[in-house]
Amino acid sequence: MLQKAPEHAPGGDAETDQATDDALYCGACRHLVTRGRWRLSVNGHEHTFFNPAGRVFTVLCFSDAPGAADQGEPTDEFTWFKGYDWNFALCRGCGDHLGWRFTGTATPPLFFGLIKPKLATAP
């Protein structure tokens, strides 16, 4: 479960606590989406892909993204990760398209590919 970092933790100060927080937020509404500690390597952590329309995306892989809701039926059409089906991952705060949720029979069986420029490090 995602938790917001406390503004002030015992024994530390707010500035230090924020500097070490690894939270990643929706760039549009600042809803908490995932955390840096959930970074995942699926043939690397960062990838650059294009979709059938020719749009280019820089995608970061995460094992979990509780702030993103999956939408649509999973499909393997034009998948970027062999053996994985995908569906859309939308911000639970504003509904913005943040990336894709991938499911498959390989390890890991589920991960999120989130669009790098759609993520923010500050709330």
PDB file of N, CA and C in Angstrom:
ATOM      1  N   MET A   1       0.837  -1.175   0.000  1.00  0.00           N
ATOM      2  CA  MET A   1       0.000   0.000   0.000  1.00  0.00           C
ATOM      3  C   MET A   1       0.882   1.239   0.000  1.00  0.00           C
ATOM      4  N   LEU A   2       0.545   2.233  -0.812  1.00  0.00           N
ATOM      5  CA  LEU A   2       1.307   3.464  -0.870  1.00  0.00           C
ATOM      6  C   LEU A   2       1.055   4.298   0.369  1.00  0.00           C
ATOM      7  N   GLN A   3       2.099   4.892   0.864  1.00  0.00           N
ATOM      8  CA  GLN A   3       1.963   5.784   1.991  1.00  0.00           C
ATOM      9  C   GLN A   3       2.707   7.057   1.681  1.00  0.00           C
ATOM     10  N   LYS A   4       2.120   8.180   2.076  1.00  0.00           N
ATOM     11  CA  LYS A   4       2.829   9.440   1.921  1.00  0.00           C
ATOM     12  C   LYS A   4       3.859   9.544   3.028  1.00  0.00           C
ATOM     13  N   ALA A   5       5.001  10.095   2.691  1.00  0.00           N
ATOM     14  CA  ALA A   5       6.048  10.271   3.689  1.00  0.00           C
ATOM     15  C   ALA A   5       5.608  11.311   4.697  1.00  0.00           C
ATOM     16  N   PRO A   6       5.903  11.086   5.982  1.00  0.00           N
ATOM     17  CA  PRO A   6       5.538  12.091   6.978  1.00  0.00           C
ATOM     18  C   PRO A   6       6.312  13.373   6.735  1.00  0.00           C
ATOM     19  N   GLU A   7       5.675  14.510   7.051  1.00  0.00           N
ATOM     20  CA  GLU A   7       6.341  15.784   6.860  1.00  0.00           C
ATOM     21  C   GLU A   7       7.525  15.932   7.810  1.00  0.00           C
ATOM     22  N   HIS A   8       7.414  15.303   8.952  1.00  0.00           N
ATOM     23  CA  HIS A   8       8.526  15.354   9.896  1.00  0.00           C
ATOM     24  C   HIS A   8       8.583  14.037  10.647  1.00  0.00           C
ATOM     25  N   ALA A   9       9.669  13.336  10.500  1.00  0.00           N
ATOM     26  CA  ALA A   9       9.840  12.057  11.192  1.00  0.00           C
ATOM     27  C   ALA A   9      10.671  12.283  12.440  1.00  0.00           C
ATOM     28  N   PRO A  10      10.396  11.524  13.512  1.00  0.00           N
ATOM     29  CA  PRO A  10      11.187  11.678  14.726  1.00  0.00           C
ATOM     30  C   PRO A  10      12.670  11.457  14.433  1.00  0.00           C
ATOM     31  N   GLY A  11      13.477  12.354  14.951  1.00  0.00           N
ATOM     32  CA  GLY A  11      14.923  12.199  14.799  1.00  0.00           C
ATOM     33  C   GLY A  11      15.456  12.775  13.504  1.00  0.00           C
ATOM     34  N   GLY A  12      14.623  13.331  12.654  1.00  0.00           N
ATOM     35  CA  GLY A  12      15.080  13.915  11.397  1.00  0.00           C
ATOM     36  C   GLY A  12      14.403  15.241  11.185  1.00  0.00           C
ATOM     37  N   ASP A  13      14.755  15.883  10.069  1.00  0.00           N
ATOM     38  CA  ASP A  13      14.032  17.110   9.767  1.00  0.00           C
ATOM     39  C   ASP A  13      13.308  16.940   8.442  1.00  0.00           C
ATOM     40  N   ALA A  14      12.323  17.769   8.194  1.00  0.00           N
ATOM     41  CA  ALA A  14      11.461  17.621   7.020  1.00  0.00           C
ATOM     42  C   ALA A  14      12.268  17.685   5.725  1.00  0.00           C
ATOM     43  N   GLU A  15      13.281  18.564   5.669  1.00  0.00           N
ATOM     44  CA  GLU A  15      14.082  18.703   4.456  1.00  0.00           C
ATOM     45  C   GLU A  15      14.835  17.411   4.147  1.00  0.00           C
ATOM     46  N   THR A  16      15.440  16.796   5.137  1.00  0.00           N
ATOM     47  CA  THR A  16      16.171  15.535   4.949  1.00  0.00           C
ATOM     48  C   THR A  16      15.208  14.420   4.563  1.00  0.00           C
ATOM     49  N   ASP A  17      14.056  14.343   5.218  1.00  0.00           N
ATOM     50  CA  ASP A  17      13.088  13.295   4.920  1.00  0.00           C
ATOM     51  C   ASP A  17      12.624  13.385   3.472  1.00  0.00           C
ATOM     52  N   GLN A  18      12.335  14.601   2.980  1.00  0.00           N
ATOM     53  CA  GLN A  18      11.896  14.769   1.601  1.00  0.00           C
ATOM     54  C   GLN A  18      13.015  14.409   0.630  1.00  0.00           C
ATOM     55  N   ALA A  19      14.251  14.719   0.963  1.00  0.00           N
ATOM     56  CA  ALA A  19      15.367  14.448   0.069  1.00  0.00           C
ATOM     57  C   ALA A  19      15.577  12.953  -0.132  1.00  0.00           C
ATOM     58  N   THR A  20      15.210  12.127   0.847  1.00  0.00           N
ATOM     59  CA  THR A  20      15.419  10.692   0.720  1.00  0.00           C
ATOM     60  C   THR A  20      14.152   9.954   0.302  1.00  0.00           C
ATOM     61  N   ASP A  21      13.039  10.651   0.176  1.00  0.00           N
ATOM     62  CA  ASP A  21      11.791  10.019  -0.237  1.00  0.00           C
ATOM     63  C   ASP A  21      11.895   9.632  -1.708  1.00  0.00           C
ATOM     64  N   ASP A  22      11.448   8.424  -2.040  1.00  0.00           N
ATOM     65  CA  ASP A  22      11.546   7.944  -3.423  1.00  0.00           C
ATOM     66  C   ASP A  22      10.192   7.913  -4.123  1.00  0.00           C
ATOM     67  N   ALA A  23       9.241   8.708  -3.635  1.00  0.00           N
ATOM     68  CA  ALA A  23       7.902   8.742  -4.213  1.00  0.00           C
ATOM     69  C   ALA A  23       7.939   9.340  -5.612  1.00  0.00           C
ATOM     70  N   LEU A  24       7.101   8.779  -6.497  1.00  0.00           N
ATOM     71  CA  LEU A  24       6.923   9.305  -7.845  1.00  0.00           C
ATOM     72  C   LEU A  24       5.442   9.611  -8.033  1.00  0.00           C
ATOM     73  N   TYR A  25       5.154  10.796  -8.547  1.00  0.00           N
ATOM     74  CA  TYR A  25       3.806  11.319  -8.640  1.00  0.00           C
ATOM     75  C   TYR A  25       3.379  11.505 -10.092  1.00  0.00           C
ATOM     76  N   CYS A  26       2.071  11.579 -10.296  1.00  0.00           N
ATOM     77  CA  CYS A  26       1.523  11.930 -11.601  1.00  0.00           C
ATOM     78  C   CYS A  26       1.952  13.363 -11.916  1.00  0.00           C
ATOM     79  N   GLY A  27       2.507  13.570 -13.083  1.00  0.00           N
ATOM     80  CA  GLY A  27       2.950  14.898 -13.473  1.00  0.00           C
ATOM     81  C   GLY A  27       1.804  15.874 -13.668  1.00  0.00           C
ATOM     82  N   ALA A  28       0.601  15.369 -13.926  1.00  0.00           N
ATOM     83  CA  ALA A  28      -0.549  16.238 -14.166  1.00  0.00           C
ATOM     84  C   ALA A  28      -1.213  16.702 -12.876  1.00  0.00           C
ATOM     85  N   CYS A  29      -1.447  15.768 -11.929  1.00  0.00           N
ATOM     86  CA  CYS A  29      -2.220  16.126 -10.726  1.00  0.00           C
ATOM     87  C   CYS A  29      -1.464  15.916  -9.416  1.00  0.00           C
ATOM     88  N   ARG A  30      -0.266  15.354  -9.489  1.00  0.00           N
ATOM     89  CA  ARG A  30       0.594  15.087  -8.320  1.00  0.00           C
ATOM     90  C   ARG A  30       0.044  14.005  -7.396  1.00  0.00           C
ATOM     91  N   HIS A  31      -0.775  13.114  -7.924  1.00  0.00           N
ATOM     92  CA  HIS A  31      -1.242  11.948  -7.169  1.00  0.00           C
ATOM     93  C   HIS A  31      -0.077  10.965  -7.044  1.00  0.00           C
ATOM     94  N   LEU A  32       0.120  10.386  -5.871  1.00  0.00           N
ATOM     95  CA  LEU A  32       1.192   9.421  -5.653  1.00  0.00           C
ATOM     96  C   LEU A  32       0.943   8.172  -6.506  1.00  0.00           C
ATOM     97  N   VAL A  33       1.911   7.793  -7.353  1.00  0.00           N
ATOM     98  CA  VAL A  33       1.737   6.690  -8.302  1.00  0.00           C
ATOM     99  C   VAL A  33       2.557   5.465  -7.915  1.00  0.00           C
ATOM    100  N   THR A  34       3.843   5.639  -7.665  1.00  0.00           N
ATOM    101  CA  THR A  34       4.733   4.520  -7.382  1.00  0.00           C
ATOM    102  C   THR A  34       5.927   5.019  -6.585  1.00  0.00           C
ATOM    103  N   ARG A  35       6.887   4.163  -6.372  1.00  0.00           N
ATOM    104  CA  ARG A  35       8.106   4.528  -5.633  1.00  0.00           C
ATOM    105  C   ARG A  35       9.330   4.015  -6.381  1.00  0.00           C
ATOM    106  N   GLY A  36      10.406   4.748  -6.263  1.00  0.00           N
ATOM    107  CA  GLY A  36      11.654   4.366  -6.914  1.00  0.00           C
ATOM    108  C   GLY A  36      12.162   3.007  -6.481  1.00  0.00           C
ATOM    109  N   ARG A  37      11.889   2.619  -5.237  1.00  0.00           N
ATOM    110  CA  ARG A  37      12.365   1.313  -4.737  1.00  0.00           C
ATOM    111  C   ARG A  37      11.678   0.150  -5.455  1.00  0.00           C
ATOM    112  N   TRP A  38      10.593   0.449  -6.189  1.00  0.00           N
ATOM    113  CA  TRP A  38       9.886  -0.599  -6.940  1.00  0.00           C
ATOM    114  C   TRP A  38      10.351  -0.667  -8.390  1.00  0.00           C
ATOM    115  N   ARG A  39      11.473   0.023  -8.693  1.00  0.00           N
ATOM    116  CA  ARG A  39      12.057  -0.078 -10.030  1.00  0.00           C
ATOM    117  C   ARG A  39      12.332  -1.541 -10.332  1.00  0.00           C
ATOM    118  N   LEU A  40      12.196  -1.898 -11.575  1.00  0.00           N
ATOM    119  CA  LEU A  40      12.312  -3.287 -11.977  1.00  0.00           C
ATOM    120  C   LEU A  40      13.060  -3.356 -13.300  1.00  0.00           C
ATOM    121  N   SER A  41      13.909  -4.355 -13.446  1.00  0.00           N
ATOM    122  CA  SER A  41      14.592  -4.567 -14.711  1.00  0.00           C
ATOM    123  C   SER A  41      13.876  -5.661 -15.494  1.00  0.00           C
ATOM    124  N   VAL A  42      13.323  -5.282 -16.630  1.00  0.00           N
ATOM    125  CA  VAL A  42      12.769  -6.235 -17.585  1.00  0.00           C
ATOM    126  C   VAL A  42      13.576  -5.983 -18.859  1.00  0.00           C
ATOM    127  N   ASN A  43      14.675  -6.705 -18.987  1.00  0.00           N
ATOM    128  CA  ASN A  43      15.661  -6.414 -20.043  1.00  0.00           C
ATOM    129  C   ASN A  43      16.124  -4.960 -19.938  1.00  0.00           C
ATOM    130  N   GLY A  44      16.284  -4.479 -18.716  1.00  0.00           N
ATOM    131  CA  GLY A  44      16.641  -3.100 -18.430  1.00  0.00           C
ATOM    132  C   GLY A  44      15.484  -2.388 -17.761  1.00  0.00           C
ATOM    133  N   HIS A  45      15.772  -1.281 -17.069  1.00  0.00           N
ATOM    134  CA  HIS A  45      14.723  -0.528 -16.374  1.00  0.00           C
ATOM    135  C   HIS A  45      14.091   0.510 -17.293  1.00  0.00           C
ATOM    136  N   GLU A  46      14.903   1.148 -18.132  1.00  0.00           N
ATOM    137  CA  GLU A  46      14.415   2.216 -19.005  1.00  0.00           C
ATOM    138  C   GLU A  46      14.486   1.765 -20.456  1.00  0.00           C
ATOM    139  N   HIS A  47      13.398   2.013 -21.187  1.00  0.00           N
ATOM    140  CA  HIS A  47      13.302   1.609 -22.591  1.00  0.00           C
ATOM    141  C   HIS A  47      12.730   2.753 -23.417  1.00  0.00           C
ATOM    142  N   THR A  48      13.078   2.780 -24.694  1.00  0.00           N
ATOM    143  CA  THR A  48      12.458   3.707 -25.640  1.00  0.00           C
ATOM    144  C   THR A  48      11.783   2.875 -26.713  1.00  0.00           C
ATOM    145  N   PHE A  49      10.479   3.096 -26.884  1.00  0.00           N
ATOM    146  CA  PHE A  49       9.660   2.339 -27.826  1.00  0.00           C
ATOM    147  C   PHE A  49       8.836   3.301 -28.672  1.00  0.00           C
ATOM    148  N   PHE A  50       8.291   2.783 -29.771  1.00  0.00           N
ATOM    149  CA  PHE A  50       7.307   3.535 -30.539  1.00  0.00           C
ATOM    150  C   PHE A  50       6.067   2.675 -30.703  1.00  0.00           C
ATOM    151  N   ASN A  51       4.917   3.335 -30.810  1.00  0.00           N
ATOM    152  CA  ASN A  51       3.661   2.609 -30.989  1.00  0.00           C
ATOM    153  C   ASN A  51       3.324   2.546 -32.484  1.00  0.00           C
ATOM    154  N   PRO A  52       2.252   1.859 -32.870  1.00  0.00           N
ATOM    155  CA  PRO A  52       1.924   1.745 -34.297  1.00  0.00           C
ATOM    156  C   PRO A  52       1.697   3.091 -34.993  1.00  0.00           C
ATOM    157  N   ALA A  53       1.319   4.120 -34.235  1.00  0.00           N
ATOM    158  CA  ALA A  53       1.118   5.448 -34.815  1.00  0.00           C
ATOM    159  C   ALA A  53       2.428   6.218 -34.955  1.00  0.00           C
ATOM    160  N   GLY A  54       3.536   5.628 -34.489  1.00  0.00           N
ATOM    161  CA  GLY A  54       4.836   6.268 -34.595  1.00  0.00           C
ATOM    162  C   GLY A  54       5.201   7.152 -33.420  1.00  0.00           C
ATOM    163  N   ARG A  55       4.359   7.233 -32.382  1.00  0.00           N
ATOM    164  CA  ARG A  55       4.697   8.015 -31.182  1.00  0.00           C
ATOM    165  C   ARG A  55       5.785   7.295 -30.399  1.00  0.00           C
ATOM    166  N   VAL A  56       6.768   8.037 -29.950  1.00  0.00           N
ATOM    167  CA  VAL A  56       7.895   7.483 -29.206  1.00  0.00           C
ATOM    168  C   VAL A  56       7.665   7.707 -27.715  1.00  0.00           C
ATOM    169  N   PHE A  57       7.928   6.662 -26.929  1.00  0.00           N
ATOM    170  CA  PHE A  57       7.759   6.720 -25.479  1.00  0.00           C
ATOM    171  C   PHE A  57       9.026   6.244 -24.793  1.00  0.00           C
ATOM    172  N   THR A  58       9.439   6.947 -23.751  1.00  0.00           N
ATOM    173  CA  THR A  58      10.473   6.458 -22.847  1.00  0.00           C
ATOM    174  C   THR A  58       9.734   5.881 -21.658  1.00  0.00           C
ATOM    175  N   VAL A  59       9.944   4.587 -21.411  1.00  0.00           N
ATOM    176  CA  VAL A  59       9.172   3.835 -20.429  1.00  0.00           C
ATOM    177  C   VAL A  59      10.095   3.318 -19.332  1.00  0.00           C
ATOM    178  N   LEU A  60       9.659   3.472 -18.077  1.00  0.00           N
ATOM    179  CA  LEU A  60      10.362   2.940 -16.913  1.00  0.00           C
ATOM    180  C   LEU A  60       9.543   1.787 -16.351  1.00  0.00           C
ATOM    181  N   CYS A  61      10.196   0.712 -15.938  1.00  0.00           N
ATOM    182  CA  CYS A  61       9.493  -0.472 -15.417  1.00  0.00           C
ATOM    183  C   CYS A  61       9.469  -0.469 -13.889  1.00  0.00           C
ATOM    184  N   PHE A  62       8.287  -0.826 -13.338  1.00  0.00           N
ATOM    185  CA  PHE A  62       8.083  -0.891 -11.897  1.00  0.00           C
ATOM    186  C   PHE A  62       7.309  -2.151 -11.553  1.00  0.00           C
ATOM    187  N   SER A  63       7.637  -2.755 -10.423  1.00  0.00           N
ATOM    188  CA  SER A  63       6.931  -3.962  -9.985  1.00  0.00           C
ATOM    189  C   SER A  63       5.526  -3.655  -9.500  1.00  0.00           C
ATOM    190  N   ASP A  64       5.278  -2.413  -9.076  1.00  0.00           N
ATOM    191  CA  ASP A  64       3.961  -2.039  -8.585  1.00  0.00           C
ATOM    192  C   ASP A  64       3.738  -0.550  -8.822  1.00  0.00           C
ATOM    193  N   ALA A  65       2.501  -0.186  -9.016  1.00  0.00           N
ATOM    194  CA  ALA A  65       2.109   1.216  -9.171  1.00  0.00           C
ATOM    195  C   ALA A  65       0.681   1.361  -8.655  1.00  0.00           C
ATOM    196  N   PRO A  66       0.506   1.338  -7.332  1.00  0.00           N
ATOM    197  CA  PRO A  66      -0.839   1.407  -6.760  1.00  0.00           C
ATOM    198  C   PRO A  66      -1.618   2.656  -7.136  1.00  0.00           C
ATOM    199  N   GLY A  67      -0.929   3.715  -7.534  1.00  0.00           N
ATOM    200  CA  GLY A  67      -1.604   4.937  -7.940  1.00  0.00           C
ATOM    201  C   GLY A  67      -2.075   4.925  -9.383  1.00  0.00           C
ATOM    202  N   ALA A  68      -1.874   3.791 -10.074  1.00  0.00           N
ATOM    203  CA  ALA A  68      -2.310   3.645 -11.464  1.00  0.00           C
ATOM    204  C   ALA A  68      -3.348   2.536 -11.553  1.00  0.00           C
ATOM    205  N   ALA A  69      -4.440   2.811 -12.220  1.00  0.00           N
ATOM    206  CA  ALA A  69      -5.511   1.829 -12.421  1.00  0.00           C
ATOM    207  C   ALA A  69      -5.402   1.271 -13.836  1.00  0.00           C
ATOM    208  N   ASP A  70      -5.522  -0.049 -13.960  1.00  0.00           N
ATOM    209  CA  ASP A  70      -5.486  -0.625 -15.304  1.00  0.00           C
ATOM    210  C   ASP A  70      -6.867  -0.506 -15.937  1.00  0.00           C
ATOM    211  N   GLN A  71      -6.863  -0.296 -17.250  1.00  0.00           N
ATOM    212  CA  GLN A  71      -8.129  -0.139 -17.971  1.00  0.00           C
ATOM    213  C   GLN A  71      -8.036  -0.845 -19.312  1.00  0.00           C
ATOM    214  N   GLY A  72      -9.123  -1.499 -19.679  1.00  0.00           N
ATOM    215  CA  GLY A  72      -9.199  -2.184 -20.960  1.00  0.00           C
ATOM    216  C   GLY A  72      -8.817  -3.644 -20.835  1.00  0.00           C
ATOM    217  N   GLU A  73      -9.190  -4.389 -21.846  1.00  0.00           N
ATOM    218  CA  GLU A  73      -8.850  -5.811 -21.890  1.00  0.00           C
ATOM    219  C   GLU A  73      -7.395  -5.979 -22.292  1.00  0.00           C
ATOM    220  N   PRO A  74      -6.645  -6.806 -21.596  1.00  0.00           N
ATOM    221  CA  PRO A  74      -5.252  -7.050 -21.990  1.00  0.00           C
ATOM    222  C   PRO A  74      -5.175  -7.625 -23.407  1.00  0.00           C
ATOM    223  N   THR A  75      -4.146  -7.214 -24.137  1.00  0.00           N
ATOM    224  CA  THR A  75      -3.909  -7.680 -25.493  1.00  0.00           C
ATOM    225  C   THR A  75      -2.416  -7.902 -25.703  1.00  0.00           C
ATOM    226  N   ASP A  76      -2.091  -8.781 -26.638  1.00  0.00           N
ATOM    227  CA  ASP A  76      -0.679  -8.972 -26.985  1.00  0.00           C
ATOM    228  C   ASP A  76      -0.339  -8.268 -28.298  1.00  0.00           C
ATOM    229  N   GLU A  77      -1.313  -7.533 -28.842  1.00  0.00           N
ATOM    230  CA  GLU A  77      -1.099  -6.830 -30.099  1.00  0.00           C
ATOM    231  C   GLU A  77      -0.044  -5.737 -29.926  1.00  0.00           C
ATOM    232  N   PHE A  78       0.985  -5.788 -30.738  1.00  0.00           N
ATOM    233  CA  PHE A  78       2.080  -4.822 -30.741  1.00  0.00           C
ATOM    234  C   PHE A  78       2.713  -4.669 -29.351  1.00  0.00           C
ATOM    235  N   THR A  79       2.854  -5.775 -28.630  1.00  0.00           N
ATOM    236  CA  THR A  79       3.462  -5.702 -27.300  1.00  0.00           C
ATOM    237  C   THR A  79       4.947  -5.377 -27.403  1.00  0.00           C
ATOM    238  N   TRP A  80       5.447  -4.644 -26.453  1.00  0.00           N
ATOM    239  CA  TRP A  80       6.861  -4.297 -26.418  1.00  0.00           C
ATOM    240  C   TRP A  80       7.681  -5.330 -25.657  1.00  0.00           C
ATOM    241  N   PHE A  81       7.003  -6.190 -24.910  1.00  0.00           N
ATOM    242  CA  PHE A  81       7.688  -7.203 -24.112  1.00  0.00           C
ATOM    243  C   PHE A  81       7.142  -8.567 -24.505  1.00  0.00           C
ATOM    244  N   LYS A  82       7.958  -9.350 -25.192  1.00  0.00           N
ATOM    245  CA  LYS A  82       7.551 -10.674 -25.671  1.00  0.00           C
ATOM    246  C   LYS A  82       7.045 -11.526 -24.502  1.00  0.00           C
ATOM    247  N   GLY A  83       5.894 -12.162 -24.719  1.00  0.00           N
ATOM    248  CA  GLY A  83       5.300 -13.004 -23.693  1.00  0.00           C
ATOM    249  C   GLY A  83       4.378 -12.267 -22.735  1.00  0.00           C
ATOM    250  N   TYR A  84       4.199 -10.961 -22.953  1.00  0.00           N
ATOM    251  CA  TYR A  84       3.350 -10.161 -22.064  1.00  0.00           C
ATOM    252  C   TYR A  84       2.205  -9.521 -22.834  1.00  0.00           C
ATOM    253  N   ASP A  85       1.026  -9.541 -22.227  1.00  0.00           N
ATOM    254  CA  ASP A  85      -0.120  -8.779 -22.706  1.00  0.00           C
ATOM    255  C   ASP A  85      -0.097  -7.434 -21.983  1.00  0.00           C
ATOM    256  N   TRP A  86      -0.708  -6.443 -22.569  1.00  0.00           N
ATOM    257  CA  TRP A  86      -0.740  -5.120 -21.948  1.00  0.00           C
ATOM    258  C   TRP A  86      -2.157  -4.549 -21.966  1.00  0.00           C
ATOM    259  N   ASN A  87      -2.398  -3.659 -21.025  1.00  0.00           N
ATOM    260  CA  ASN A  87      -3.554  -2.776 -21.060  1.00  0.00           C
ATOM    261  C   ASN A  87      -3.103  -1.440 -20.479  1.00  0.00           C
ATOM    262  N   PHE A  88      -3.955  -0.451 -20.557  1.00  0.00           N
ATOM    263  CA  PHE A  88      -3.559   0.901 -20.164  1.00  0.00           C
ATOM    264  C   PHE A  88      -3.454   1.049 -18.648  1.00  0.00           C
ATOM    265  N   ALA A  89      -2.570   1.938 -18.207  1.00  0.00           N
ATOM    266  CA  ALA A  89      -2.434   2.318 -16.800  1.00  0.00           C
ATOM    267  C   ALA A  89      -2.751   3.811 -16.713  1.00  0.00           C
ATOM    268  N   LEU A  90      -3.823   4.128 -15.981  1.00  0.00           N
ATOM    269  CA  LEU A  90      -4.288   5.509 -15.846  1.00  0.00           C
ATOM    270  C   LEU A  90      -4.133   5.981 -14.398  1.00  0.00           C
ATOM    271  N   CYS A  91      -3.856   7.258 -14.238  1.00  0.00           N
ATOM    272  CA  CYS A  91      -3.722   7.838 -12.902  1.00  0.00           C
ATOM    273  C   CYS A  91      -5.038   7.704 -12.147  1.00  0.00           C
ATOM    274  N   ARG A  92      -4.964   7.201 -10.917  1.00  0.00           N
ATOM    275  CA  ARG A  92      -6.163   7.082 -10.076  1.00  0.00           C
ATOM    276  C   ARG A  92      -6.639   8.451  -9.581  1.00  0.00           C
ATOM    277  N   GLY A  93      -5.798   9.454  -9.703  1.00  0.00           N
ATOM    278  CA  GLY A  93      -6.179  10.795  -9.272  1.00  0.00           C
ATOM    279  C   GLY A  93      -6.921  11.575 -10.341  1.00  0.00           C
ATOM    280  N   CYS A  94      -6.401  11.590 -11.569  1.00  0.00           N
ATOM    281  CA  CYS A  94      -6.987  12.432 -12.619  1.00  0.00           C
ATOM    282  C   CYS A  94      -7.362  11.673 -13.888  1.00  0.00           C
ATOM    283  N   GLY A  95      -6.965  10.403 -13.998  1.00  0.00           N
ATOM    284  CA  GLY A  95      -7.309   9.615 -15.180  1.00  0.00           C
ATOM    285  C   GLY A  95      -6.345   9.774 -16.339  1.00  0.00           C
ATOM    286  N   ASP A  96      -5.264  10.532 -16.164  1.00  0.00           N
ATOM    287  CA  ASP A  96      -4.284  10.721 -17.235  1.00  0.00           C
ATOM    288  C   ASP A  96      -3.617   9.389 -17.584  1.00  0.00           C
ATOM    289  N   HIS A  97      -3.308   9.198 -18.844  1.00  0.00           N
ATOM    290  CA  HIS A  97      -2.607   7.986 -19.290  1.00  0.00           C
ATOM    291  C   HIS A  97      -1.156   8.056 -18.822  1.00  0.00           C
ATOM    292  N   LEU A  98      -0.771   7.139 -17.926  1.00  0.00           N
ATOM    293  CA  LEU A  98       0.584   7.113 -17.380  1.00  0.00           C
ATOM    294  C   LEU A  98       1.454   6.054 -18.027  1.00  0.00           C
ATOM    295  N   GLY A  99       0.847   5.071 -18.685  1.00  0.00           N
ATOM    296  CA  GLY A  99       1.624   3.997 -19.278  1.00  0.00           C
ATOM    297  C   GLY A  99       0.786   2.753 -19.455  1.00  0.00           C
ATOM    298  N   TRP A 100       1.403   1.593 -19.151  1.00  0.00           N
ATOM    299  CA  TRP A 100       0.764   0.318 -19.413  1.00  0.00           C
ATOM    300  C   TRP A 100       1.026  -0.669 -18.287  1.00  0.00           C
ATOM    301  N   ARG A 101       0.093  -1.575 -18.107  1.00  0.00           N
ATOM    302  CA  ARG A 101       0.242  -2.685 -17.162  1.00  0.00           C
ATOM    303  C   ARG A 101       0.481  -3.931 -18.009  1.00  0.00           C
ATOM    304  N   PHE A 102       1.549  -4.659 -17.713  1.00  0.00           N
ATOM    305  CA  PHE A 102       1.923  -5.849 -18.466  1.00  0.00           C
ATOM    306  C   PHE A 102       1.721  -7.094 -17.608  1.00  0.00           C
ATOM    307  N   THR A 103       1.109  -8.117 -18.195  1.00  0.00           N
ATOM    308  CA  THR A 103       0.920  -9.395 -17.505  1.00  0.00           C
ATOM    309  C   THR A 103       1.357 -10.512 -18.439  1.00  0.00           C
ATOM    310  N   GLY A 104       1.965 -11.543 -17.847  1.00  0.00           N
ATOM    311  CA  GLY A 104       2.427 -12.665 -18.652  1.00  0.00           C
ATOM    312  C   GLY A 104       2.724 -13.875 -17.802  1.00  0.00           C
ATOM    313  N   THR A 105       3.291 -14.884 -18.435  1.00  0.00           N
ATOM    314  CA  THR A 105       3.616 -16.119 -17.733  1.00  0.00           C
ATOM    315  C   THR A 105       5.083 -16.159 -17.318  1.00  0.00           C
ATOM    316  N   ALA A 106       5.868 -15.194 -17.768  1.00  0.00           N
ATOM    317  CA  ALA A 106       7.287 -15.133 -17.408  1.00  0.00           C
ATOM    318  C   ALA A 106       7.439 -14.480 -16.036  1.00  0.00           C
ATOM    319  N   THR A 107       8.666 -14.374 -15.576  1.00  0.00           N
ATOM    320  CA  THR A 107       8.969 -13.692 -14.326  1.00  0.00           C
ATOM    321  C   THR A 107       9.504 -12.310 -14.662  1.00  0.00           C
ATOM    322  N   PRO A 108       8.907 -11.261 -14.144  1.00  0.00           N
ATOM    323  CA  PRO A 108       7.775 -11.222 -13.222  1.00  0.00           C
ATOM    324  C   PRO A 108       6.459 -11.408 -13.983  1.00  0.00           C
ATOM    325  N   PRO A 109       5.439 -11.919 -13.325  1.00  0.00           N
ATOM    326  CA  PRO A 109       4.167 -12.121 -14.012  1.00  0.00           C
ATOM    327  C   PRO A 109       3.380 -10.830 -14.253  1.00  0.00           C
ATOM    328  N   LEU A 110       3.750  -9.761 -13.542  1.00  0.00           N
ATOM    329  CA  LEU A 110       3.056  -8.485 -13.683  1.00  0.00           C
ATOM    330  C   LEU A 110       4.044  -7.350 -13.422  1.00  0.00           C
ATOM    331  N   PHE A 111       3.976  -6.303 -14.246  1.00  0.00           N
ATOM    332  CA  PHE A 111       4.748  -5.087 -13.992  1.00  0.00           C
ATOM    333  C   PHE A 111       4.100  -3.929 -14.741  1.00  0.00           C
ATOM    334  N   PHE A 112       4.520  -2.721 -14.382  1.00  0.00           N
ATOM    335  CA  PHE A 112       4.022  -1.513 -15.019  1.00  0.00           C
ATOM    336  C   PHE A 112       5.138  -0.869 -15.827  1.00  0.00           C
ATOM    337  N   GLY A 113       4.825  -0.449 -17.031  1.00  0.00           N
ATOM    338  CA  GLY A 113       5.720   0.363 -17.846  1.00  0.00           C
ATOM    339  C   GLY A 113       5.144   1.767 -17.861  1.00  0.00           C
ATOM    340  N   LEU A 114       5.772   2.681 -17.126  1.00  0.00           N
ATOM    341  CA  LEU A 114       5.240   4.033 -16.976  1.00  0.00           C
ATOM    342  C   LEU A 114       6.051   5.015 -17.812  1.00  0.00           C
ATOM    343  N   ILE A 115       5.359   5.967 -18.404  1.00  0.00           N
ATOM    344  CA  ILE A 115       5.977   6.950 -19.293  1.00  0.00           C
ATOM    345  C   ILE A 115       6.790   7.941 -18.457  1.00  0.00           C
ATOM    346  N   LYS A 116       8.093   7.946 -18.673  1.00  0.00           N
ATOM    347  CA  LYS A 116       9.012   8.734 -17.842  1.00  0.00           C
ATOM    348  C   LYS A 116       8.611  10.198 -17.713  1.00  0.00           C
ATOM    349  N   PRO A 117       8.306  10.913 -18.805  1.00  0.00           N
ATOM    350  CA  PRO A 117       7.952  12.337 -18.645  1.00  0.00           C
ATOM    351  C   PRO A 117       6.609  12.581 -17.944  1.00  0.00           C
ATOM    352  N   LYS A 118       5.827  11.538 -17.735  1.00  0.00           N
ATOM    353  CA  LYS A 118       4.535  11.679 -17.044  1.00  0.00           C
ATOM    354  C   LYS A 118       4.688  11.581 -15.530  1.00  0.00           C
ATOM    355  N   LEU A 119       5.906  11.259 -15.044  1.00  0.00           N
ATOM    356  CA  LEU A 119       6.154  11.108 -13.615  1.00  0.00           C
ATOM    357  C   LEU A 119       6.905  12.308 -13.068  1.00  0.00           C
ATOM    358  N   ALA A 120       6.567  12.693 -11.849  1.00  0.00           N
ATOM    359  CA  ALA A 120       7.222  13.808 -11.171  1.00  0.00           C
ATOM    360  C   ALA A 120       7.779  13.336  -9.833  1.00  0.00           C
ATOM    361  N   THR A 121       8.865  13.951  -9.398  1.00  0.00           N
ATOM    362  CA  THR A 121       9.474  13.566  -8.119  1.00  0.00           C
ATOM    363  C   THR A 121       8.984  14.412  -6.954  1.00  0.00           C
ATOM    364  N   ALA A 122       8.230  15.464  -7.222  1.00  0.00           N
ATOM    365  CA  ALA A 122       7.723  16.321  -6.140  1.00  0.00           C
ATOM    366  C   ALA A 122       6.197  16.383  -6.201  1.00  0.00           C
ATOM    367  N   PRO A 123       5.569  16.413  -5.032  1.00  0.00           N
ATOM    368  CA  PRO A 123       4.090  16.501  -5.014  1.00  0.00           C
ATOM    369  C   PRO A 123       3.581  17.849  -5.484  1.00  0.00           C
TER     370      PRO A 123
END
